[in-house]
Amino acid sequence: MSIITGYDPLTLRERVDESAANERLEELGSLRSLTGLLEKVTLFRLLGRIDEAWNVANEAVRLTRFSGNREDLLEARIVRAQVQHSQGKLAPALSELSLCADEAGTHEWGELEASARLALGKVRFELSEFIEAKAAFTAAVFLYERLGASLGDLEIALVAISVTEKNIAQIQSGL
């Protein structure tokens, strides 16, 4: 059962099966592993429970800072920046995601870089920075393809490119 059922073609926000998301949250219970915490953050965010998502995201960042694993810390920062985006804190989300994408690229952490670039594109899209958004989405597609991702994994980035191109075309045609 998929929790994300599609994407809004105007906002690029996820469409969510709320009962499946709530069921998965119950399954996770009080799990405190990094994987569990990050999944909870995503589920809370998708369900619009932004305060809970923010609290758990900060907990995940703290946990990874103590573990000393820089790759895990970067993943937690990306997820937390996605919550900032959902909170409407676009400037901090943009800054954090830019730093995360650059750091992931420097260390050749392809999956994390793709995730950060996709999230960065969504923030730029919301800011109506369509050319920059398209560049971020395109970079995410190339990274996912290089990693051998399935078409399902590429779906949102490909949809995002198409929607962004339509917005660019409308602006250029004066509509």
Protein backbone atom coordinates (compact mmCIF):
# COMPACT_ATOMS: atom_id res chain seq x y z
CA MET A 1 0.00 0.00 0.00
CA SER A 2 1.50 3.30 -1.07
CA ILE A 3 1.22 6.29 1.21
CA ILE A 4 1.95 8.81 -1.55
CA THR A 5 -0.74 8.38 -4.19
CA GLY A 6 0.43 11.07 -6.60
CA TYR A 7 1.41 14.70 -6.85
CA ASP A 8 -0.59 17.88 -7.24
CA PRO A 9 0.21 19.16 -10.74
CA LEU A 10 0.03 22.81 -9.66
CA THR A 11 1.93 22.78 -6.36
CA LEU A 12 4.00 19.59 -6.71
CA ARG A 13 2.88 18.63 -3.19
CA GLU A 14 2.33 14.97 -2.44
CA ARG A 15 -1.16 13.49 -2.43
CA VAL A 16 -1.45 11.24 0.59
CA ASP A 17 -3.46 8.20 1.62
CA GLU A 18 -4.07 9.44 5.16
CA SER A 19 -5.29 6.12 6.55
CA ALA A 20 -2.18 4.33 5.24
CA ALA A 21 0.06 7.05 6.69
CA ASN A 22 -1.64 6.86 10.09
CA GLU A 23 -1.44 3.07 10.02
CA ARG A 24 2.29 3.24 9.31
CA LEU A 25 2.76 5.73 12.16
CA GLU A 26 1.09 3.26 14.50
CA GLU A 27 3.40 0.50 13.26
CA LEU A 28 6.43 2.65 13.97
CA GLY A 29 5.21 3.27 17.52
CA SER A 30 7.98 4.54 19.75
CA LEU A 31 10.81 3.39 17.47
CA ARG A 32 13.86 5.60 18.11
CA SER A 33 16.27 4.48 15.38
CA LEU A 34 17.32 7.11 12.87
CA THR A 35 15.43 5.34 10.10
CA GLY A 36 12.31 5.23 12.24
CA LEU A 37 12.61 8.87 13.27
CA LEU A 38 13.09 10.08 9.70
CA GLU A 39 10.14 8.04 8.50
CA LYS A 40 8.01 9.53 11.28
CA VAL A 41 9.07 13.04 10.27
CA THR A 42 8.02 12.37 6.69
CA LEU A 43 4.70 10.86 7.74
CA PHE A 44 3.92 13.73 10.12
CA ARG A 45 4.81 16.22 7.35
CA LEU A 46 2.64 14.45 4.80
CA LEU A 47 -0.26 14.41 7.26
CA GLY A 48 0.11 18.14 7.93
CA ARG A 49 1.21 17.54 11.52
CA ILE A 50 4.03 20.03 11.08
CA ASP A 51 4.78 20.76 14.74
CA GLU A 52 5.28 17.06 15.44
CA ALA A 53 7.37 16.71 12.29
CA TRP A 54 9.58 19.61 13.37
CA ASN A 55 10.12 18.20 16.87
CA VAL A 56 11.04 14.73 15.60
CA ALA A 57 13.24 16.20 12.85
CA ASN A 58 15.22 18.13 15.45
CA GLU A 59 15.51 14.97 17.54
CA ALA A 60 16.90 13.11 14.50
CA VAL A 61 19.47 15.84 13.85
CA ARG A 62 20.56 15.75 17.52
CA LEU A 63 20.83 11.95 17.41
CA THR A 64 23.03 12.01 14.32
CA ARG A 65 25.26 14.77 15.68
CA PHE A 66 26.10 12.54 18.62
CA SER A 67 26.69 9.48 16.44
CA GLY A 68 29.36 11.27 14.39
CA ASN A 69 28.14 9.82 11.08
CA ARG A 70 28.19 12.76 8.64
CA GLU A 71 26.12 10.99 5.99
CA ASP A 72 23.32 10.27 8.48
CA LEU A 73 23.49 13.86 9.71
CA LEU A 74 23.14 15.13 6.17
CA GLU A 75 20.07 12.96 5.60
CA ALA A 76 18.49 14.25 8.81
CA ARG A 77 19.21 17.85 7.79
CA ILE A 78 17.56 17.31 4.39
CA VAL A 79 14.44 15.87 6.01
CA ARG A 80 14.34 18.72 8.54
CA ALA A 81 14.66 21.28 5.71
CA GLN A 82 11.68 19.66 4.01
CA VAL A 83 9.72 20.34 7.19
CA GLN A 84 10.87 23.98 7.09
CA HIS A 85 9.51 24.12 3.53
CA SER A 86 6.18 22.79 4.78
CA GLN A 87 6.22 25.40 7.55
CA GLY A 88 6.53 28.11 4.89
CA LYS A 89 10.07 28.94 6.02
CA LEU A 90 11.31 29.03 2.47
CA ALA A 91 14.52 31.05 2.93
CA PRO A 92 15.95 28.78 5.67
CA ALA A 93 14.86 25.66 3.74
CA LEU A 94 16.50 26.98 0.58
CA SER A 95 19.74 27.76 2.40
CA GLU A 96 19.90 24.41 4.19
CA LEU A 97 19.03 22.37 1.10
CA SER A 98 21.64 24.23 -0.97
CA LEU A 99 24.29 23.43 1.63
CA CYS A 100 23.16 19.82 1.84
CA ALA A 101 23.16 19.33 -1.94
CA ASP A 102 26.66 20.79 -2.21
CA GLU A 103 27.98 18.69 0.68
CA ALA A 104 26.44 15.51 -0.74
CA GLY A 105 27.97 16.29 -4.13
CA THR A 106 31.38 16.90 -2.61
CA HIS A 107 31.32 13.53 -0.85
CA GLU A 108 29.69 11.77 -3.83
CA TRP A 109 26.67 10.68 -1.81
CA GLY A 110 24.49 10.42 -4.91
CA GLU A 111 21.21 9.42 -3.33
CA LEU A 112 21.41 12.20 -0.75
CA GLU A 113 22.40 14.73 -3.39
CA ALA A 114 19.46 13.69 -5.58
CA SER A 115 17.09 13.98 -2.63
CA ALA A 116 18.45 17.40 -1.67
CA ARG A 117 18.29 18.70 -5.26
CA LEU A 118 14.70 17.48 -5.65
CA ALA A 119 13.68 19.16 -2.38
CA LEU A 120 15.61 22.29 -3.37
CA GLY A 121 13.74 22.38 -6.67
CA LYS A 122 10.41 22.22 -4.84
CA VAL A 123 11.36 25.22 -2.70
CA ARG A 124 12.52 27.17 -5.74
CA PHE A 125 9.29 26.21 -7.52
CA GLU A 126 7.24 27.59 -4.62
CA LEU A 127 9.30 30.79 -4.79
CA SER A 128 8.41 31.00 -8.53
CA GLU A 129 12.10 30.65 -9.39
CA PHE A 130 11.19 28.30 -12.22
CA ILE A 131 14.46 28.28 -14.16
CA GLU A 132 16.42 27.43 -10.99
CA ALA A 133 13.77 24.87 -10.01
CA LYS A 134 14.04 23.17 -13.40
CA ALA A 135 17.83 23.01 -13.06
CA ALA A 136 17.50 21.38 -9.63
CA PHE A 137 14.90 18.88 -10.85
CA THR A 138 17.00 18.03 -13.90
CA ALA A 139 20.06 17.46 -11.72
CA ALA A 140 17.98 15.15 -9.51
CA VAL A 141 16.86 13.14 -12.55
CA PHE A 142 20.43 12.71 -13.78
CA LEU A 143 21.57 11.63 -10.32
CA TYR A 144 18.70 9.16 -9.91
CA GLU A 145 19.37 7.74 -13.39
CA ARG A 146 23.06 7.35 -12.60
CA LEU A 147 22.10 5.45 -9.44
CA GLY A 148 19.84 3.13 -11.47
CA ALA A 149 16.63 4.32 -9.84
CA SER A 150 13.33 2.90 -11.01
CA LEU A 151 10.82 4.93 -13.00
CA GLY A 152 8.75 5.18 -9.84
CA ASP A 153 11.64 6.87 -8.06
CA LEU A 154 12.05 9.28 -10.96
CA GLU A 155 8.34 10.09 -11.22
CA ILE A 156 8.16 13.23 -9.10
CA ALA A 157 11.28 14.76 -10.65
CA LEU A 158 9.97 14.10 -14.17
CA VAL A 159 6.53 15.48 -13.30
CA ALA A 160 8.19 18.49 -11.67
CA ILE A 161 10.24 19.22 -14.79
CA SER A 162 7.12 19.05 -16.98
CA VAL A 163 5.08 21.34 -14.69
CA THR A 164 7.99 23.76 -14.34
CA GLU A 165 8.49 23.92 -18.11
CA LYS A 166 4.80 24.79 -18.51
CA ASN A 167 5.18 27.62 -16.00
CA ILE A 168 8.26 28.92 -17.79
CA ALA A 169 6.43 28.78 -21.14
CA GLN A 170 3.45 30.68 -19.70
CA ILE A 171 5.71 33.40 -18.32
CA GLN A 172 7.61 33.68 -21.59
CA SER A 173 4.39 33.93 -23.59
CA GLY A 174 3.11 36.64 -21.27
CA LEU A 175 0.16 34.68 -19.87
